[in-house]
């Protein structure tokens, strides 16, 4: 079979187009899922940081520490 026959063969054309489409689909979904996973990880990290800041760090900070009082800074 010559290369020209392969190019004009409908079955070869169908397989070539199918291969290109599947490749494009795999690359597209990989890129989009990576973006979504990154954004979800950032959102989770932000939420966890907020919870820890309000439940662990905030109770340890005394009013004098915020004002800059030397005694509160020493106790901290």
PDB file of N, CA and C in Angstrom:
ATOM      1  N   UNK A   1       0.829  -1.174   0.000  1.00  0.00           N
ATOM      2  CA  UNK A   1       0.000   0.000   0.000  1.00  0.00           C
ATOM      3  C   UNK A   1       0.878   1.243   0.000  1.00  0.00           C
ATOM      4  N   UNK A   2       0.577   2.160  -0.865  1.00  0.00           N
ATOM      5  CA  UNK A   2       1.365   3.386  -0.939  1.00  0.00           C
ATOM      6  C   UNK A   2       0.849   4.401   0.079  1.00  0.00           C
ATOM      7  N   UNK A   3       1.683   5.394   0.433  1.00  0.00           N
ATOM      8  CA  UNK A   3       1.246   6.416   1.395  1.00  0.00           C
ATOM      9  C   UNK A   3       0.012   7.184   0.909  1.00  0.00           C
ATOM     10  N   UNK A   4      -0.096   7.362  -0.412  1.00  0.00           N
ATOM     11  CA  UNK A   4      -1.246   8.080  -0.971  1.00  0.00           C
ATOM     12  C   UNK A   4      -2.533   7.288  -0.743  1.00  0.00           C
ATOM     13  N   UNK A   5      -2.438   5.987  -0.821  1.00  0.00           N
ATOM     14  CA  UNK A   5      -3.603   5.141  -0.595  1.00  0.00           C
ATOM     15  C   UNK A   5      -4.042   5.222   0.861  1.00  0.00           C
ATOM     16  N   UNK A   6      -3.079   5.282   1.779  1.00  0.00           N
ATOM     17  CA  UNK A   6      -3.416   5.405   3.197  1.00  0.00           C
ATOM     18  C   UNK A   6      -4.111   6.732   3.491  1.00  0.00           C
ATOM     19  N   UNK A   7      -3.664   7.816   2.837  1.00  0.00           N
ATOM     20  CA  UNK A   7      -4.255   9.131   3.078  1.00  0.00           C
ATOM     21  C   UNK A   7      -5.699   9.179   2.585  1.00  0.00           C
ATOM     22  N   UNK A   8      -5.996   8.525   1.502  1.00  0.00           N
ATOM     23  CA  UNK A   8      -7.351   8.564   0.939  1.00  0.00           C
ATOM     24  C   UNK A   8      -8.250   7.464   1.494  1.00  0.00           C
ATOM     25  N   UNK A   9      -7.702   6.581   2.281  1.00  0.00           N
ATOM     26  CA  UNK A   9      -8.480   5.490   2.857  1.00  0.00           C
ATOM     27  C   UNK A   9      -9.369   6.044   3.981  1.00  0.00           C
ATOM     28  N   UNK A  10     -10.687   5.881   3.902  1.00  0.00           N
ATOM     29  CA  UNK A  10     -11.580   6.420   4.932  1.00  0.00           C
ATOM     30  C   UNK A  10     -11.319   5.824   6.318  1.00  0.00           C
ATOM     31  N   UNK A  11     -10.954   4.572   6.378  1.00  0.00           N
ATOM     32  CA  UNK A  11     -10.676   3.950   7.675  1.00  0.00           C
ATOM     33  C   UNK A  11      -9.434   4.572   8.314  1.00  0.00           C
ATOM     34  N   UNK A  12      -8.407   4.816   7.533  1.00  0.00           N
ATOM     35  CA  UNK A  12      -7.193   5.450   8.046  1.00  0.00           C
ATOM     36  C   UNK A  12      -7.487   6.879   8.493  1.00  0.00           C
ATOM     37  N   UNK A  13      -8.313   7.596   7.747  1.00  0.00           N
ATOM     38  CA  UNK A  13      -8.695   8.952   8.132  1.00  0.00           C
ATOM     39  C   UNK A  13      -9.464   8.943   9.451  1.00  0.00           C
ATOM     40  N   UNK A  14     -10.402   8.003   9.577  1.00  0.00           N
ATOM     41  CA  UNK A  14     -11.191   7.889  10.794  1.00  0.00           C
ATOM     42  C   UNK A  14     -10.294   7.608  11.999  1.00  0.00           C
ATOM     43  N   UNK A  15      -9.362   6.689  11.832  1.00  0.00           N
ATOM     44  CA  UNK A  15      -8.453   6.351  12.933  1.00  0.00           C
ATOM     45  C   UNK A  15      -7.544   7.522  13.290  1.00  0.00           C
ATOM     46  N   UNK A  16      -7.071   8.247  12.282  1.00  0.00           N
ATOM     47  CA  UNK A  16      -6.186   9.382  12.532  1.00  0.00           C
ATOM     48  C   UNK A  16      -6.937  10.495  13.289  1.00  0.00           C
ATOM     49  N   UNK A  17      -8.148  10.802  12.845  1.00  0.00           N
ATOM     50  CA  UNK A  17      -8.937  11.835  13.509  1.00  0.00           C
ATOM     51  C   UNK A  17      -9.288  11.392  14.926  1.00  0.00           C
ATOM     52  N   UNK A  18      -9.627  10.139  15.100  1.00  0.00           N
ATOM     53  CA  UNK A  18      -9.935   9.616  16.427  1.00  0.00           C
ATOM     54  C   UNK A  18      -8.745   9.721  17.356  1.00  0.00           C
ATOM     55  N   UNK A  19      -7.570   9.380  16.856  1.00  0.00           N
ATOM     56  CA  UNK A  19      -6.352   9.469  17.661  1.00  0.00           C
ATOM     57  C   UNK A  19      -6.080  10.911  18.081  1.00  0.00           C
ATOM     58  N   UNK A  20      -6.214  11.842  17.142  1.00  0.00           N
ATOM     59  CA  UNK A  20      -5.983  13.262  17.442  1.00  0.00           C
ATOM     60  C   UNK A  20      -6.995  13.751  18.484  1.00  0.00           C
ATOM     61  N   UNK A  21      -8.249  13.375  18.344  1.00  0.00           N
ATOM     62  CA  UNK A  21      -9.285  13.814  19.276  1.00  0.00           C
ATOM     63  C   UNK A  21      -9.055  13.241  20.680  1.00  0.00           C
ATOM     64  N   UNK A  22      -8.707  11.981  20.771  1.00  0.00           N
ATOM     65  CA  UNK A  22      -8.459  11.367  22.072  1.00  0.00           C
ATOM     66  C   UNK A  22      -7.247  12.020  22.736  1.00  0.00           C
ATOM     67  N   UNK A  23      -6.218  12.283  21.968  1.00  0.00           N
ATOM     68  CA  UNK A  23      -5.031  12.946  22.502  1.00  0.00           C
ATOM     69  C   UNK A  23      -5.377  14.342  23.021  1.00  0.00           C
ATOM     70  N   UNK A  24      -6.146  15.107  22.249  1.00  0.00           N
ATOM     71  CA  UNK A  24      -6.545  16.447  22.667  1.00  0.00           C
ATOM     72  C   UNK A  24      -7.407  16.380  23.928  1.00  0.00           C
ATOM     73  N   UNK A  25      -8.289  15.414  23.991  1.00  0.00           N
ATOM     74  CA  UNK A  25      -9.154  15.251  25.158  1.00  0.00           C
ATOM     75  C   UNK A  25      -8.349  14.927  26.405  1.00  0.00           C
ATOM     76  N   UNK A  26      -7.383  14.039  26.290  1.00  0.00           N
ATOM     77  CA  UNK A  26      -6.549  13.660  27.437  1.00  0.00           C
ATOM     78  C   UNK A  26      -5.725  14.852  27.914  1.00  0.00           C
ATOM     79  N   UNK A  27      -5.120  15.578  26.991  1.00  0.00           N
ATOM     80  CA  UNK A  27      -4.310  16.737  27.369  1.00  0.00           C
ATOM     81  C   UNK A  27      -5.192  17.815  28.006  1.00  0.00           C
ATOM     82  N   UNK A  28      -6.354  18.069  27.417  1.00  0.00           N
ATOM     83  CA  UNK A  28      -7.261  19.082  27.965  1.00  0.00           C
ATOM     84  C   UNK A  28      -7.743  18.745  29.359  1.00  0.00           C
ATOM     85  N   UNK A  29      -8.162  17.509  29.567  1.00  0.00           N
ATOM     86  CA  UNK A  29      -8.655  17.141  30.893  1.00  0.00           C
ATOM     87  C   UNK A  29      -7.528  17.127  31.924  1.00  0.00           C
ATOM     88  N   UNK A  30      -6.325  16.782  31.512  1.00  0.00           N
ATOM     89  CA  UNK A  30      -5.185  16.801  32.432  1.00  0.00           C
ATOM     90  C   UNK A  30      -4.894  18.225  32.894  1.00  0.00           C
ATOM     91  N   UNK A  31      -4.882  19.154  31.973  1.00  0.00           N
ATOM     92  CA  UNK A  31      -4.603  20.552  32.319  1.00  0.00           C
ATOM     93  C   UNK A  31      -5.700  21.110  33.211  1.00  0.00           C
ATOM     94  N   UNK A  32      -6.950  20.881  32.842  1.00  0.00           N
ATOM     95  CA  UNK A  32      -8.064  21.421  33.624  1.00  0.00           C
ATOM     96  C   UNK A  32      -8.152  20.797  35.014  1.00  0.00           C
ATOM     97  N   UNK A  33      -7.915  19.501  35.107  1.00  0.00           N
ATOM     98  CA  UNK A  33      -7.985  18.861  36.425  1.00  0.00           C
ATOM     99  C   UNK A  33      -6.828  19.309  37.311  1.00  0.00           C
ATOM    100  N   UNK A  34      -5.663  19.563  36.744  1.00  0.00           N
ATOM    101  CA  UNK A  34      -4.534  20.063  37.534  1.00  0.00           C
ATOM    102  C   UNK A  34      -4.844  21.453  38.085  1.00  0.00           C
ATOM    103  N   UNK A  35      -5.459  22.304  37.267  1.00  0.00           N
ATOM    104  CA  UNK A  35      -5.839  23.641  37.742  1.00  0.00           C
ATOM    105  C   UNK A  35      -6.869  23.546  38.859  1.00  0.00           C
ATOM    106  N   UNK A  36      -7.859  22.700  38.668  1.00  0.00           N
ATOM    107  CA  UNK A  36      -8.908  22.551  39.682  1.00  0.00           C
ATOM    108  C   UNK A  36      -8.338  22.002  40.986  1.00  0.00           C
ATOM    109  N   UNK A  37      -7.433  21.029  40.892  1.00  0.00           N
ATOM    110  CA  UNK A  37      -6.823  20.446  42.088  1.00  0.00           C
ATOM    111  C   UNK A  37      -5.987  21.482  42.831  1.00  0.00           C
ATOM    112  N   UNK A  38      -5.259  22.295  42.103  1.00  0.00           N
ATOM    113  CA  UNK A  38      -4.436  23.340  42.733  1.00  0.00           C
ATOM    114  C   UNK A  38      -5.320  24.351  43.454  1.00  0.00           C
ATOM    115  N   UNK A  39      -6.390  24.786  42.798  1.00  0.00           N
ATOM    116  CA  UNK A  39      -7.283  25.759  43.414  1.00  0.00           C
ATOM    117  C   UNK A  39      -7.967  25.180  44.648  1.00  0.00           C
ATOM    118  N   UNK A  40      -8.368  23.926  44.582  1.00  0.00           N
ATOM    119  CA  UNK A  40      -9.010  23.282  45.727  1.00  0.00           C
ATOM    120  C   UNK A  40      -8.040  23.149  46.896  1.00  0.00           C
ATOM    121  N   UNK A  41      -6.783  22.834  46.604  1.00  0.00           N
ATOM    122  CA  UNK A  41      -5.767  22.734  47.658  1.00  0.00           C
ATOM    123  C   UNK A  41      -5.535  24.094  48.319  1.00  0.00           C
ATOM    124  N   UNK A  42      -5.492  25.148  47.515  1.00  0.00           N
ATOM    125  CA  UNK A  42      -5.323  26.488  48.083  1.00  0.00           C
ATOM    126  C   UNK A  42      -6.521  26.881  48.948  1.00  0.00           C
ATOM    127  N   UNK A  43      -7.721  26.554  48.498  1.00  0.00           N
ATOM    128  CA  UNK A  43      -8.923  26.862  49.289  1.00  0.00           C
ATOM    129  C   UNK A  43      -8.912  26.098  50.608  1.00  0.00           C
ATOM    130  N   UNK A  44      -8.545  24.823  50.570  1.00  0.00           N
ATOM    131  CA  UNK A  44      -8.475  24.028  51.797  1.00  0.00           C
ATOM    132  C   UNK A  44      -7.423  24.567  52.760  1.00  0.00           C
ATOM    133  N   UNK A  45      -6.269  24.945  52.228  1.00  0.00           N
ATOM    134  CA  UNK A  45      -5.206  25.491  53.075  1.00  0.00           C
ATOM    135  C   UNK A  45      -5.647  26.804  53.717  1.00  0.00           C
ATOM    136  N   UNK A  46      -6.348  27.634  52.965  1.00  0.00           N
ATOM    137  CA  UNK A  46      -6.837  28.898  53.501  1.00  0.00           C
ATOM    138  C   UNK A  46      -7.863  28.655  54.613  1.00  0.00           C
ATOM    139  N   UNK A  47      -8.765  27.724  54.393  1.00  0.00           N
ATOM    140  CA  UNK A  47      -9.781  27.426  55.411  1.00  0.00           C
ATOM    141  C   UNK A  47      -9.143  26.858  56.679  1.00  0.00           C
ATOM    142  N   UNK A  48      -8.171  25.968  56.519  1.00  0.00           N
ATOM    143  CA  UNK A  48      -7.484  25.386  57.676  1.00  0.00           C
ATOM    144  C   UNK A  48      -6.719  26.461  58.442  1.00  0.00           C
ATOM    145  N   UNK A  49      -6.084  27.364  57.726  1.00  0.00           N
ATOM    146  CA  UNK A  49      -5.348  28.451  58.366  1.00  0.00           C
ATOM    147  C   UNK A  49      -6.293  29.345  59.162  1.00  0.00           C
ATOM    148  N   UNK A  50      -7.458  29.647  58.593  1.00  0.00           N
ATOM    149  CA  UNK A  50      -8.441  30.473  59.300  1.00  0.00           C
ATOM    150  C   UNK A  50      -8.909  29.793  60.590  1.00  0.00           C
ATOM    151  N   UNK A  51      -9.195  28.507  60.521  1.00  0.00           N
ATOM    152  CA  UNK A  51      -9.653  27.771  61.704  1.00  0.00           C
ATOM    153  C   UNK A  51      -8.573  27.769  62.780  1.00  0.00           C
ATOM    154  N   UNK A  52      -7.333  27.490  62.389  1.00  0.00           N
ATOM    155  CA  UNK A  52      -6.237  27.473  63.365  1.00  0.00           C
ATOM    156  C   UNK A  52      -5.982  28.861  63.950  1.00  0.00           C
ATOM    157  N   UNK A  53      -6.075  29.887  63.128  1.00  0.00           N
ATOM    158  CA  UNK A  53      -5.840  31.246  63.620  1.00  0.00           C
ATOM    159  C   UNK A  53      -6.880  31.634  64.655  1.00  0.00           C
ATOM    160  N   UNK A  54      -8.121  31.272  64.415  1.00  0.00           N
ATOM    161  CA  UNK A  54      -9.188  31.665  65.343  1.00  0.00           C
ATOM    162  C   UNK A  54      -9.269  30.763  66.574  1.00  0.00           C
ATOM    163  N   UNK A  55      -8.885  29.517  66.440  1.00  0.00           N
ATOM    164  CA  UNK A  55      -9.047  28.605  67.581  1.00  0.00           C
ATOM    165  C   UNK A  55      -7.773  28.430  68.406  1.00  0.00           C
ATOM    166  N   UNK A  56      -6.601  28.634  67.816  1.00  0.00           N
ATOM    167  CA  UNK A  56      -5.347  28.407  68.541  1.00  0.00           C
ATOM    168  C   UNK A  56      -4.612  29.715  68.801  1.00  0.00           C
ATOM    169  N   UNK A  57      -4.390  30.484  67.778  1.00  0.00           N
ATOM    170  CA  UNK A  57      -3.562  31.683  67.937  1.00  0.00           C
ATOM    171  C   UNK A  57      -4.312  32.834  68.606  1.00  0.00           C
ATOM    172  N   UNK A  58      -5.533  33.082  68.198  1.00  0.00           N
ATOM    173  CA  UNK A  58      -6.268  34.224  68.715  1.00  0.00           C
ATOM    174  C   UNK A  58      -6.460  34.177  70.235  1.00  0.00           C
ATOM    175  N   UNK A  59      -6.801  33.032  70.838  1.00  0.00           N
ATOM    176  CA  UNK A  59      -6.931  33.019  72.300  1.00  0.00           C
ATOM    177  C   UNK A  59      -5.615  33.280  73.037  1.00  0.00           C
ATOM    178  N   UNK A  60      -4.485  32.995  72.406  1.00  0.00           N
ATOM    179  CA  UNK A  60      -3.185  33.201  73.061  1.00  0.00           C
ATOM    180  C   UNK A  60      -2.731  34.655  73.008  1.00  0.00           C
ATOM    181  N   UNK A  61      -3.347  35.443  72.169  1.00  0.00           N
ATOM    182  CA  UNK A  61      -2.940  36.845  72.029  1.00  0.00           C
ATOM    183  C   UNK A  61      -3.759  37.691  72.996  1.00  0.00           C
ATOM    184  N   UNK A  62      -3.094  38.278  73.967  1.00  0.00           N
ATOM    185  CA  UNK A  62      -3.741  39.114  74.972  1.00  0.00           C
ATOM    186  C   UNK A  62      -3.903  40.540  74.444  1.00  0.00           C
ATOM    187  N   UNK A  63      -4.867  41.269  74.976  1.00  0.00           N
ATOM    188  CA  UNK A  63      -5.093  42.645  74.503  1.00  0.00           C
ATOM    189  C   UNK A  63      -3.853  43.527  74.618  1.00  0.00           C
ATOM    190  N   UNK A  64      -3.071  43.364  75.659  1.00  0.00           N
ATOM    191  CA  UNK A  64      -1.872  44.176  75.819  1.00  0.00           C
ATOM    192  C   UNK A  64      -0.835  43.902  74.745  1.00  0.00           C
ATOM    193  N   UNK A  65      -0.828  42.713  74.233  1.00  0.00           N
ATOM    194  CA  UNK A  65       0.127  42.354  73.176  1.00  0.00           C
ATOM    195  C   UNK A  65      -0.177  43.130  71.902  1.00  0.00           C
ATOM    196  N   UNK A  66      -1.441  43.277  71.615  1.00  0.00           N
ATOM    197  CA  UNK A  66      -1.840  44.029  70.425  1.00  0.00           C
ATOM    198  C   UNK A  66      -1.472  45.500  70.585  1.00  0.00           C
ATOM    199  N   UNK A  67      -1.612  46.012  71.802  1.00  0.00           N
ATOM    200  CA  UNK A  67      -1.298  47.423  72.057  1.00  0.00           C
ATOM    201  C   UNK A  67       0.199  47.681  72.133  1.00  0.00           C
ATOM    202  N   UNK A  68       1.010  46.644  72.287  1.00  0.00           N
ATOM    203  CA  UNK A  68       2.449  46.799  72.366  1.00  0.00           C
ATOM    204  C   UNK A  68       2.970  46.982  73.775  1.00  0.00           C
ATOM    205  N   UNK A  69       2.221  46.564  74.769  1.00  0.00           N
ATOM    206  CA  UNK A  69       2.647  46.708  76.151  1.00  0.00           C
ATOM    207  C   UNK A  69       3.832  45.767  76.432  1.00  0.00           C
ATOM    208  N   UNK A  70       4.870  46.306  77.107  1.00  0.00           N
ATOM    209  CA  UNK A  70       6.092  45.544  77.340  1.00  0.00           C
ATOM    210  C   UNK A  70       5.835  44.307  78.206  1.00  0.00           C
ATOM    211  N   UNK A  71       4.978  44.397  79.211  1.00  0.00           N
ATOM    212  CA  UNK A  71       4.679  43.255  80.066  1.00  0.00           C
ATOM    213  C   UNK A  71       3.993  42.126  79.310  1.00  0.00           C
ATOM    214  N   UNK A  72       3.061  42.505  78.434  1.00  0.00           N
ATOM    215  CA  UNK A  72       2.350  41.487  77.639  1.00  0.00           C
ATOM    216  C   UNK A  72       3.292  40.813  76.659  1.00  0.00           C
ATOM    217  N   UNK A  73       4.200  41.583  76.113  1.00  0.00           N
ATOM    218  CA  UNK A  73       5.182  41.016  75.174  1.00  0.00           C
ATOM    219  C   UNK A  73       6.093  40.051  75.917  1.00  0.00           C
ATOM    220  N   UNK A  74       6.531  40.410  77.110  1.00  0.00           N
ATOM    221  CA  UNK A  74       7.397  39.520  77.897  1.00  0.00           C
ATOM    222  C   UNK A  74       6.665  38.233  78.272  1.00  0.00           C
ATOM    223  N   UNK A  75       5.390  38.332  78.664  1.00  0.00           N
ATOM    224  CA  UNK A  75       4.624  37.138  79.018  1.00  0.00           C
ATOM    225  C   UNK A  75       4.387  36.244  77.820  1.00  0.00           C
ATOM    226  N   UNK A  76       4.271  36.818  76.674  1.00  0.00           N
ATOM    227  CA  UNK A  76       4.031  36.040  75.473  1.00  0.00           C
ATOM    228  C   UNK A  76       5.253  35.216  75.128  1.00  0.00           C
TER     229      UNK A  76
END
